[in-house]
């Protein structure tokens, strides 16, 4: 019987006024902890809410997460195509 797999989606809500570098560092630590706990997948989407949702480029953020993880699968949950030309999104991926 196949084992159940678990994943998590990060809705990057942060305290307003917190330093963006600290926000990203904590989000990366969150992904690393999920891997340590045995999660199979980590998803993140594009968010532009000034001050408290800071991940405007999920593929770049996931590249940073990939530097600190080894087993967990990484994926984008949302890319806002109205803000980007679809060809450019495909090229970035």
PDB file of N, CA and C in Angstrom:
ATOM      1  N   UNK A   1       0.836  -1.171   0.000  1.00  0.00           N
ATOM      2  CA  UNK A   1       0.000   0.000   0.000  1.00  0.00           C
ATOM      3  C   UNK A   1       0.890   1.247   0.000  1.00  0.00           C
ATOM      4  N   UNK A   2       0.589   2.206  -0.853  1.00  0.00           N
ATOM      5  CA  UNK A   2       1.384   3.432  -0.950  1.00  0.00           C
ATOM      6  C   UNK A   2       1.170   4.296   0.284  1.00  0.00           C
ATOM      7  N   UNK A   3       2.228   4.965   0.700  1.00  0.00           N
ATOM      8  CA  UNK A   3       2.093   5.845   1.863  1.00  0.00           C
ATOM      9  C   UNK A   3       1.452   7.165   1.455  1.00  0.00           C
ATOM     10  N   UNK A   4       0.762   7.789   2.368  1.00  0.00           N
ATOM     11  CA  UNK A   4       0.154   9.091   2.130  1.00  0.00           C
ATOM     12  C   UNK A   4       1.258  10.140   2.072  1.00  0.00           C
ATOM     13  N   UNK A   5       1.177  11.032   1.098  1.00  0.00           N
ATOM     14  CA  UNK A   5       2.164  12.106   0.975  1.00  0.00           C
ATOM     15  C   UNK A   5       1.572  13.399   1.506  1.00  0.00           C
ATOM     16  N   UNK A   6       2.452  14.240   2.030  1.00  0.00           N
ATOM     17  CA  UNK A   6       2.020  15.502   2.614  1.00  0.00           C
ATOM     18  C   UNK A   6       2.756  16.657   1.976  1.00  0.00           C
ATOM     19  N   UNK A   7       2.040  17.752   1.799  1.00  0.00           N
ATOM     20  CA  UNK A   7       2.630  18.970   1.270  1.00  0.00           C
ATOM     21  C   UNK A   7       2.097  20.170   2.023  1.00  0.00           C
ATOM     22  N   UNK A   8       2.743  21.301   1.807  1.00  0.00           N
ATOM     23  CA  UNK A   8       2.309  22.535   2.455  1.00  0.00           C
ATOM     24  C   UNK A   8       2.412  23.678   1.460  1.00  0.00           C
ATOM     25  N   UNK A   9       1.454  24.593   1.538  1.00  0.00           N
ATOM     26  CA  UNK A   9       1.480  25.809   0.740  1.00  0.00           C
ATOM     27  C   UNK A   9       1.752  26.971   1.683  1.00  0.00           C
ATOM     28  N   UNK A  10       2.753  27.782   1.350  1.00  0.00           N
ATOM     29  CA  UNK A  10       3.090  28.935   2.173  1.00  0.00           C
ATOM     30  C   UNK A  10       2.310  30.145   1.697  1.00  0.00           C
ATOM     31  N   UNK A  11       1.417  30.631   2.546  1.00  0.00           N
ATOM     32  CA  UNK A  11       0.796  31.935   2.333  1.00  0.00           C
ATOM     33  C   UNK A  11       1.680  32.904   3.108  1.00  0.00           C
ATOM     34  N   UNK A  12       2.521  33.643   2.417  1.00  0.00           N
ATOM     35  CA  UNK A  12       3.603  34.380   3.098  1.00  0.00           C
ATOM     36  C   UNK A  12       3.112  35.623   3.838  1.00  0.00           C
ATOM     37  N   UNK A  13       2.382  35.418   4.925  1.00  0.00           N
ATOM     38  CA  UNK A  13       1.909  36.538   5.737  1.00  0.00           C
ATOM     39  C   UNK A  13       2.958  36.865   6.788  1.00  0.00           C
ATOM     40  N   UNK A  14       3.362  38.114   6.829  1.00  0.00           N
ATOM     41  CA  UNK A  14       4.402  38.560   7.749  1.00  0.00           C
ATOM     42  C   UNK A  14       3.941  39.794   8.507  1.00  0.00           C
ATOM     43  N   UNK A  15       4.541  40.031   9.671  1.00  0.00           N
ATOM     44  CA  UNK A  15       4.220  41.263  10.397  1.00  0.00           C
ATOM     45  C   UNK A  15       4.637  42.486   9.572  1.00  0.00           C
ATOM     46  N   UNK A  16       3.758  43.460   9.475  1.00  0.00           N
ATOM     47  CA  UNK A  16       4.093  44.688   8.752  1.00  0.00           C
ATOM     48  C   UNK A  16       5.217  45.384   9.498  1.00  0.00           C
ATOM     49  N   UNK A  17       6.208  45.833   8.742  1.00  0.00           N
ATOM     50  CA  UNK A  17       7.356  46.515   9.318  1.00  0.00           C
ATOM     51  C   UNK A  17       8.537  45.608   9.574  1.00  0.00           C
ATOM     52  N   UNK A  18       8.355  44.296   9.482  1.00  0.00           N
ATOM     53  CA  UNK A  18       9.465  43.369   9.663  1.00  0.00           C
ATOM     54  C   UNK A  18      10.401  43.483   8.460  1.00  0.00           C
ATOM     55  N   UNK A  19      11.682  43.382   8.692  1.00  0.00           N
ATOM     56  CA  UNK A  19      12.662  43.522   7.622  1.00  0.00           C
ATOM     57  C   UNK A  19      12.462  42.410   6.580  1.00  0.00           C
ATOM     58  N   UNK A  20      12.430  42.762   5.274  1.00  0.00           N
ATOM     59  CA  UNK A  20      12.185  41.747   4.242  1.00  0.00           C
ATOM     60  C   UNK A  20      13.200  40.598   4.268  1.00  0.00           C
ATOM     61  N   UNK A  21      14.452  40.877   4.565  1.00  0.00           N
ATOM     62  CA  UNK A  21      15.449  39.809   4.620  1.00  0.00           C
ATOM     63  C   UNK A  21      15.101  38.813   5.712  1.00  0.00           C
ATOM     64  N   UNK A  22      14.621  39.304   6.853  1.00  0.00           N
ATOM     65  CA  UNK A  22      14.201  38.423   7.938  1.00  0.00           C
ATOM     66  C   UNK A  22      12.985  37.606   7.530  1.00  0.00           C
ATOM     67  N   UNK A  23      12.057  38.216   6.797  1.00  0.00           N
ATOM     68  CA  UNK A  23      10.883  37.495   6.317  1.00  0.00           C
ATOM     69  C   UNK A  23      11.294  36.325   5.428  1.00  0.00           C
ATOM     70  N   UNK A  24      12.167  36.602   4.457  1.00  0.00           N
ATOM     71  CA  UNK A  24      12.609  35.537   3.546  1.00  0.00           C
ATOM     72  C   UNK A  24      13.383  34.469   4.309  1.00  0.00           C
ATOM     73  N   UNK A  25      14.229  34.871   5.221  1.00  0.00           N
ATOM     74  CA  UNK A  25      15.010  33.903   6.005  1.00  0.00           C
ATOM     75  C   UNK A  25      14.082  32.986   6.796  1.00  0.00           C
ATOM     76  N   UNK A  26      13.057  33.546   7.412  1.00  0.00           N
ATOM     77  CA  UNK A  26      12.103  32.728   8.178  1.00  0.00           C
ATOM     78  C   UNK A  26      11.302  31.797   7.273  1.00  0.00           C
ATOM     79  N   UNK A  27      10.937  32.265   6.088  1.00  0.00           N
ATOM     80  CA  UNK A  27      10.204  31.410   5.146  1.00  0.00           C
ATOM     81  C   UNK A  27      11.072  30.242   4.676  1.00  0.00           C
ATOM     82  N   UNK A  28      12.357  30.491   4.462  1.00  0.00           N
ATOM     83  CA  UNK A  28      13.274  29.409   4.074  1.00  0.00           C
ATOM     84  C   UNK A  28      13.412  28.417   5.221  1.00  0.00           C
ATOM     85  N   UNK A  29      13.545  28.916   6.444  1.00  0.00           N
ATOM     86  CA  UNK A  29      13.625  28.034   7.613  1.00  0.00           C
ATOM     87  C   UNK A  29      12.364  27.175   7.738  1.00  0.00           C
ATOM     88  N   UNK A  30      11.220  27.759   7.405  1.00  0.00           N
ATOM     89  CA  UNK A  30       9.961  27.018   7.439  1.00  0.00           C
ATOM     90  C   UNK A  30      10.012  25.839   6.464  1.00  0.00           C
ATOM     91  N   UNK A  31      10.487  26.084   5.251  1.00  0.00           N
ATOM     92  CA  UNK A  31      10.585  25.012   4.255  1.00  0.00           C
ATOM     93  C   UNK A  31      11.569  23.936   4.711  1.00  0.00           C
ATOM     94  N   UNK A  32      12.683  24.340   5.278  1.00  0.00           N
ATOM     95  CA  UNK A  32      13.667  23.375   5.783  1.00  0.00           C
ATOM     96  C   UNK A  32      13.043  22.527   6.892  1.00  0.00           C
ATOM     97  N   UNK A  33      12.292  23.148   7.770  1.00  0.00           N
ATOM     98  CA  UNK A  33      11.645  22.408   8.864  1.00  0.00           C
ATOM     99  C   UNK A  33      10.614  21.422   8.335  1.00  0.00           C
ATOM    100  N   UNK A  34       9.867  21.839   7.308  1.00  0.00           N
ATOM    101  CA  UNK A  34       8.913  20.905   6.699  1.00  0.00           C
ATOM    102  C   UNK A  34       9.633  19.674   6.163  1.00  0.00           C
ATOM    103  N   UNK A  35      10.773  19.886   5.524  1.00  0.00           N
ATOM    104  CA  UNK A  35      11.544  18.750   5.014  1.00  0.00           C
ATOM    105  C   UNK A  35      12.003  17.858   6.169  1.00  0.00           C
ATOM    106  N   UNK A  36      12.488  18.470   7.248  1.00  0.00           N
ATOM    107  CA  UNK A  36      12.930  17.698   8.412  1.00  0.00           C
ATOM    108  C   UNK A  36      11.790  16.877   9.013  1.00  0.00           C
ATOM    109  N   UNK A  37      10.579  17.395   8.926  1.00  0.00           N
ATOM    110  CA  UNK A  37       9.409  16.692   9.464  1.00  0.00           C
ATOM    111  C   UNK A  37       8.877  15.609   8.529  1.00  0.00           C
ATOM    112  N   UNK A  38       9.465  15.515   7.328  1.00  0.00           N
ATOM    113  CA  UNK A  38       9.069  14.463   6.408  1.00  0.00           C
ATOM    114  C   UNK A  38       8.052  14.864   5.359  1.00  0.00           C
ATOM    115  N   UNK A  39       7.743  16.157   5.260  1.00  0.00           N
ATOM    116  CA  UNK A  39       6.823  16.594   4.209  1.00  0.00           C
ATOM    117  C   UNK A  39       7.428  16.293   2.849  1.00  0.00           C
ATOM    118  N   UNK A  40       6.567  16.030   1.876  1.00  0.00           N
ATOM    119  CA  UNK A  40       7.007  15.660   0.541  1.00  0.00           C
ATOM    120  C   UNK A  40       7.074  16.848  -0.415  1.00  0.00           C
ATOM    121  N   UNK A  41       6.238  17.864  -0.192  1.00  0.00           N
ATOM    122  CA  UNK A  41       6.143  18.992  -1.125  1.00  0.00           C
ATOM    123  C   UNK A  41       6.045  20.310  -0.375  1.00  0.00           C
ATOM    124  N   UNK A  42       6.573  21.357  -1.008  1.00  0.00           N
ATOM    125  CA  UNK A  42       6.471  22.716  -0.492  1.00  0.00           C
ATOM    126  C   UNK A  42       6.096  23.624  -1.659  1.00  0.00           C
ATOM    127  N   UNK A  43       4.982  24.322  -1.507  1.00  0.00           N
ATOM    128  CA  UNK A  43       4.450  25.179  -2.566  1.00  0.00           C
ATOM    129  C   UNK A  43       4.427  26.625  -2.098  1.00  0.00           C
ATOM    130  N   UNK A  44       4.627  27.540  -3.012  1.00  0.00           N
ATOM    131  CA  UNK A  44       4.541  28.966  -2.707  1.00  0.00           C
ATOM    132  C   UNK A  44       4.005  29.688  -3.933  1.00  0.00           C
ATOM    133  N   UNK A  45       3.242  30.736  -3.712  1.00  0.00           N
ATOM    134  CA  UNK A  45       2.675  31.496  -4.824  1.00  0.00           C
ATOM    135  C   UNK A  45       3.197  32.919  -4.863  1.00  0.00           C
ATOM    136  N   UNK A  46       2.833  33.605  -5.911  1.00  0.00           N
ATOM    137  CA  UNK A  46       3.223  35.002  -6.101  1.00  0.00           C
ATOM    138  C   UNK A  46       2.286  35.897  -5.294  1.00  0.00           C
ATOM    139  N   UNK A  47       2.874  36.790  -4.493  1.00  0.00           N
ATOM    140  CA  UNK A  47       2.086  37.685  -3.655  1.00  0.00           C
ATOM    141  C   UNK A  47       2.702  39.069  -3.656  1.00  0.00           C
ATOM    142  N   UNK A  48       1.857  40.091  -3.778  1.00  0.00           N
ATOM    143  CA  UNK A  48       2.332  41.478  -3.879  1.00  0.00           C
ATOM    144  C   UNK A  48       1.678  42.405  -2.875  1.00  0.00           C
ATOM    145  N   UNK A  49       1.236  41.937  -1.744  1.00  0.00           N
ATOM    146  CA  UNK A  49       0.604  42.811  -0.760  1.00  0.00           C
ATOM    147  C   UNK A  49       1.702  43.525   0.016  1.00  0.00           C
ATOM    148  N   UNK A  50       1.912  44.752  -0.304  1.00  0.00           N
ATOM    149  CA  UNK A  50       3.030  45.518   0.235  1.00  0.00           C
ATOM    150  C   UNK A  50       3.137  45.377   1.743  1.00  0.00           C
ATOM    151  N   UNK A  51       4.311  44.946   2.179  1.00  0.00           N
ATOM    152  CA  UNK A  51       4.607  44.901   3.603  1.00  0.00           C
ATOM    153  C   UNK A  51       4.414  43.567   4.278  1.00  0.00           C
ATOM    154  N   UNK A  52       3.425  42.807   3.872  1.00  0.00           N
ATOM    155  CA  UNK A  52       3.215  41.573   4.628  1.00  0.00           C
ATOM    156  C   UNK A  52       3.172  40.322   3.768  1.00  0.00           C
ATOM    157  N   UNK A  53       3.067  40.436   2.474  1.00  0.00           N
ATOM    158  CA  UNK A  53       3.221  39.296   1.554  1.00  0.00           C
ATOM    159  C   UNK A  53       4.300  39.690   0.562  1.00  0.00           C
ATOM    160  N   UNK A  54       5.456  39.077   0.692  1.00  0.00           N
ATOM    161  CA  UNK A  54       6.652  39.601   0.025  1.00  0.00           C
ATOM    162  C   UNK A  54       7.188  38.750  -1.126  1.00  0.00           C
ATOM    163  N   UNK A  55       6.532  37.689  -1.530  1.00  0.00           N
ATOM    164  CA  UNK A  55       7.117  36.809  -2.544  1.00  0.00           C
ATOM    165  C   UNK A  55       6.552  37.185  -3.910  1.00  0.00           C
ATOM    166  N   UNK A  56       7.258  38.064  -4.601  1.00  0.00           N
ATOM    167  CA  UNK A  56       6.835  38.534  -5.914  1.00  0.00           C
ATOM    168  C   UNK A  56       7.337  37.628  -7.028  1.00  0.00           C
ATOM    169  N   UNK A  57       8.327  36.800  -6.740  1.00  0.00           N
ATOM    170  CA  UNK A  57       8.906  35.902  -7.735  1.00  0.00           C
ATOM    171  C   UNK A  57       9.082  34.519  -7.106  1.00  0.00           C
ATOM    172  N   UNK A  58       8.035  33.686  -7.146  1.00  0.00           N
ATOM    173  CA  UNK A  58       8.122  32.395  -6.458  1.00  0.00           C
ATOM    174  C   UNK A  58       9.241  31.498  -6.979  1.00  0.00           C
ATOM    175  N   UNK A  59       9.538  31.568  -8.278  1.00  0.00           N
ATOM    176  CA  UNK A  59      10.593  30.700  -8.800  1.00  0.00           C
ATOM    177  C   UNK A  59      11.959  31.096  -8.252  1.00  0.00           C
ATOM    178  N   UNK A  60      12.196  32.373  -8.044  1.00  0.00           N
ATOM    179  CA  UNK A  60      13.456  32.831  -7.460  1.00  0.00           C
ATOM    180  C   UNK A  60      13.528  32.453  -5.984  1.00  0.00           C
ATOM    181  N   UNK A  61      12.410  32.625  -5.277  1.00  0.00           N
ATOM    182  CA  UNK A  61      12.372  32.235  -3.870  1.00  0.00           C
ATOM    183  C   UNK A  61      12.604  30.727  -3.723  1.00  0.00           C
ATOM    184  N   UNK A  62      11.972  29.918  -4.574  1.00  0.00           N
ATOM    185  CA  UNK A  62      12.149  28.463  -4.489  1.00  0.00           C
ATOM    186  C   UNK A  62      13.574  28.045  -4.837  1.00  0.00           C
ATOM    187  N   UNK A  63      14.246  28.813  -5.691  1.00  0.00           N
ATOM    188  CA  UNK A  63      15.661  28.541  -5.960  1.00  0.00           C
ATOM    189  C   UNK A  63      16.477  28.724  -4.682  1.00  0.00           C
ATOM    190  N   UNK A  64      16.145  29.752  -3.904  1.00  0.00           N
ATOM    191  CA  UNK A  64      16.828  29.966  -2.626  1.00  0.00           C
ATOM    192  C   UNK A  64      16.513  28.835  -1.648  1.00  0.00           C
ATOM    193  N   UNK A  65      15.264  28.388  -1.624  1.00  0.00           N
ATOM    194  CA  UNK A  65      14.878  27.272  -0.753  1.00  0.00           C
ATOM    195  C   UNK A  65      15.665  26.020  -1.161  1.00  0.00           C
ATOM    196  N   UNK A  66      15.821  25.815  -2.460  1.00  0.00           N
ATOM    197  CA  UNK A  66      16.537  24.648  -2.961  1.00  0.00           C
ATOM    198  C   UNK A  66      17.988  24.582  -2.511  1.00  0.00           C
ATOM    199  N   UNK A  67      18.566  25.733  -2.178  1.00  0.00           N
ATOM    200  CA  UNK A  67      19.939  25.746  -1.666  1.00  0.00           C
ATOM    201  C   UNK A  67      20.025  25.138  -0.272  1.00  0.00           C
ATOM    202  N   UNK A  68      18.891  25.088   0.442  1.00  0.00           N
ATOM    203  CA  UNK A  68      18.885  24.639   1.833  1.00  0.00           C
ATOM    204  C   UNK A  68      18.160  23.313   2.041  1.00  0.00           C
ATOM    205  N   UNK A  69      17.569  22.770   0.983  1.00  0.00           N
ATOM    206  CA  UNK A  69      16.837  21.506   1.084  1.00  0.00           C
ATOM    207  C   UNK A  69      17.405  20.515   0.078  1.00  0.00           C
ATOM    208  N   UNK A  70      17.060  19.255   0.251  1.00  0.00           N
ATOM    209  CA  UNK A  70      17.591  18.262  -0.656  1.00  0.00           C
ATOM    210  C   UNK A  70      16.573  17.260  -1.174  1.00  0.00           C
ATOM    211  N   UNK A  71      15.511  17.010  -0.404  1.00  0.00           N
ATOM    212  CA  UNK A  71      14.576  15.958  -0.764  1.00  0.00           C
ATOM    213  C   UNK A  71      13.193  16.482  -1.111  1.00  0.00           C
ATOM    214  N   UNK A  72      12.740  17.497  -0.413  1.00  0.00           N
ATOM    215  CA  UNK A  72      11.381  17.989  -0.583  1.00  0.00           C
ATOM    216  C   UNK A  72      11.193  18.549  -1.997  1.00  0.00           C
ATOM    217  N   UNK A  73      10.045  18.255  -2.581  1.00  0.00           N
ATOM    218  CA  UNK A  73       9.736  18.771  -3.924  1.00  0.00           C
ATOM    219  C   UNK A  73       9.190  20.180  -3.803  1.00  0.00           C
ATOM    220  N   UNK A  74       9.620  21.068  -4.693  1.00  0.00           N
ATOM    221  CA  UNK A  74       9.254  22.479  -4.644  1.00  0.00           C
ATOM    222  C   UNK A  74       8.366  22.817  -5.832  1.00  0.00           C
ATOM    223  N   UNK A  75       7.337  23.644  -5.584  1.00  0.00           N
ATOM    224  CA  UNK A  75       6.446  24.013  -6.678  1.00  0.00           C
ATOM    225  C   UNK A  75       5.812  25.376  -6.469  1.00  0.00           C
ATOM    226  N   UNK A  76       5.439  26.003  -7.582  1.00  0.00           N
ATOM    227  CA  UNK A  76       4.746  27.284  -7.513  1.00  0.00           C
ATOM    228  C   UNK A  76       3.246  27.031  -7.490  1.00  0.00           C
ATOM    229  N   UNK A  77       2.557  27.723  -6.619  1.00  0.00           N
ATOM    230  CA  UNK A  77       1.117  27.581  -6.515  1.00  0.00           C
ATOM    231  C   UNK A  77       0.376  28.598  -7.354  1.00  0.00           C
ATOM    232  N   UNK A  78       0.929  29.799  -7.475  1.00  0.00           N
ATOM    233  CA  UNK A  78       0.262  30.880  -8.194  1.00  0.00           C
ATOM    234  C   UNK A  78       1.315  31.718  -8.900  1.00  0.00           C
ATOM    235  N   UNK A  79       1.092  31.975 -10.175  1.00  0.00           N
ATOM    236  CA  UNK A  79       1.832  32.994 -10.928  1.00  0.00           C
ATOM    237  C   UNK A  79       0.756  33.871 -11.553  1.00  0.00           C
ATOM    238  N   UNK A  80       0.784  35.144 -11.281  1.00  0.00           N
ATOM    239  CA  UNK A  80      -0.254  36.067 -11.753  1.00  0.00           C
ATOM    240  C   UNK A  80       0.010  36.468 -13.205  1.00  0.00           C
ATOM    241  N   UNK A  81      -0.551  35.714 -14.147  1.00  0.00           N
ATOM    242  CA  UNK A  81      -0.299  35.978 -15.565  1.00  0.00           C
ATOM    243  C   UNK A  81      -0.726  37.370 -16.032  1.00  0.00           C
ATOM    244  N   UNK A  82      -1.766  37.993 -15.460  1.00  0.00           N
ATOM    245  CA  UNK A  82      -2.088  39.349 -15.900  1.00  0.00           C
ATOM    246  C   UNK A  82      -0.936  40.344 -15.680  1.00  0.00           C
ATOM    247  N   UNK A  83      -0.024  40.023 -14.761  1.00  0.00           N
ATOM    248  CA  UNK A  83       1.109  40.904 -14.494  1.00  0.00           C
ATOM    249  C   UNK A  83       2.326  40.572 -15.352  1.00  0.00           C
ATOM    250  N   UNK A  84       2.323  39.434 -16.029  1.00  0.00           N
ATOM    251  CA  UNK A  84       3.499  38.956 -16.748  1.00  0.00           C
ATOM    252  C   UNK A  84       3.085  38.390 -18.108  1.00  0.00           C
ATOM    253  N   UNK A  85       3.931  38.553 -19.086  1.00  0.00           N
ATOM    254  CA  UNK A  85       3.693  37.919 -20.384  1.00  0.00           C
ATOM    255  C   UNK A  85       3.918  36.408 -20.216  1.00  0.00           C
ATOM    256  N   UNK A  86       3.004  35.580 -20.693  1.00  0.00           N
ATOM    257  CA  UNK A  86       3.143  34.122 -20.514  1.00  0.00           C
ATOM    258  C   UNK A  86       4.466  33.562 -21.035  1.00  0.00           C
ATOM    259  N   UNK A  87       4.989  34.117 -22.114  1.00  0.00           N
ATOM    260  CA  UNK A  87       6.282  33.641 -22.625  1.00  0.00           C
ATOM    261  C   UNK A  87       7.382  33.880 -21.596  1.00  0.00           C
ATOM    262  N   UNK A  88       7.366  35.050 -20.950  1.00  0.00           N
ATOM    263  CA  UNK A  88       8.393  35.342 -19.947  1.00  0.00           C
ATOM    264  C   UNK A  88       8.266  34.428 -18.745  1.00  0.00           C
ATOM    265  N   UNK A  89       7.049  34.114 -18.344  1.00  0.00           N
ATOM    266  CA  UNK A  89       6.849  33.182 -17.228  1.00  0.00           C
ATOM    267  C   UNK A  89       7.412  31.811 -17.594  1.00  0.00           C
ATOM    268  N   UNK A  90       7.106  31.330 -18.778  1.00  0.00           N
ATOM    269  CA  UNK A  90       7.617  30.020 -19.207  1.00  0.00           C
ATOM    270  C   UNK A  90       9.137  30.041 -19.276  1.00  0.00           C
ATOM    271  N   UNK A  91       9.690  31.116 -19.729  1.00  0.00           N
ATOM    272  CA  UNK A  91      11.159  31.224 -19.829  1.00  0.00           C
ATOM    273  C   UNK A  91      11.806  31.214 -18.441  1.00  0.00           C
ATOM    274  N   UNK A  92      11.193  31.900 -17.473  1.00  0.00           N
ATOM    275  CA  UNK A  92      11.746  31.926 -16.127  1.00  0.00           C
ATOM    276  C   UNK A  92      11.716  30.559 -15.468  1.00  0.00           C
ATOM    277  N   UNK A  93      10.666  29.787 -15.768  1.00  0.00           N
ATOM    278  CA  UNK A  93      10.539  28.455 -15.167  1.00  0.00           C
ATOM    279  C   UNK A  93      11.596  27.525 -15.713  1.00  0.00           C
TER     280      UNK A  93
END
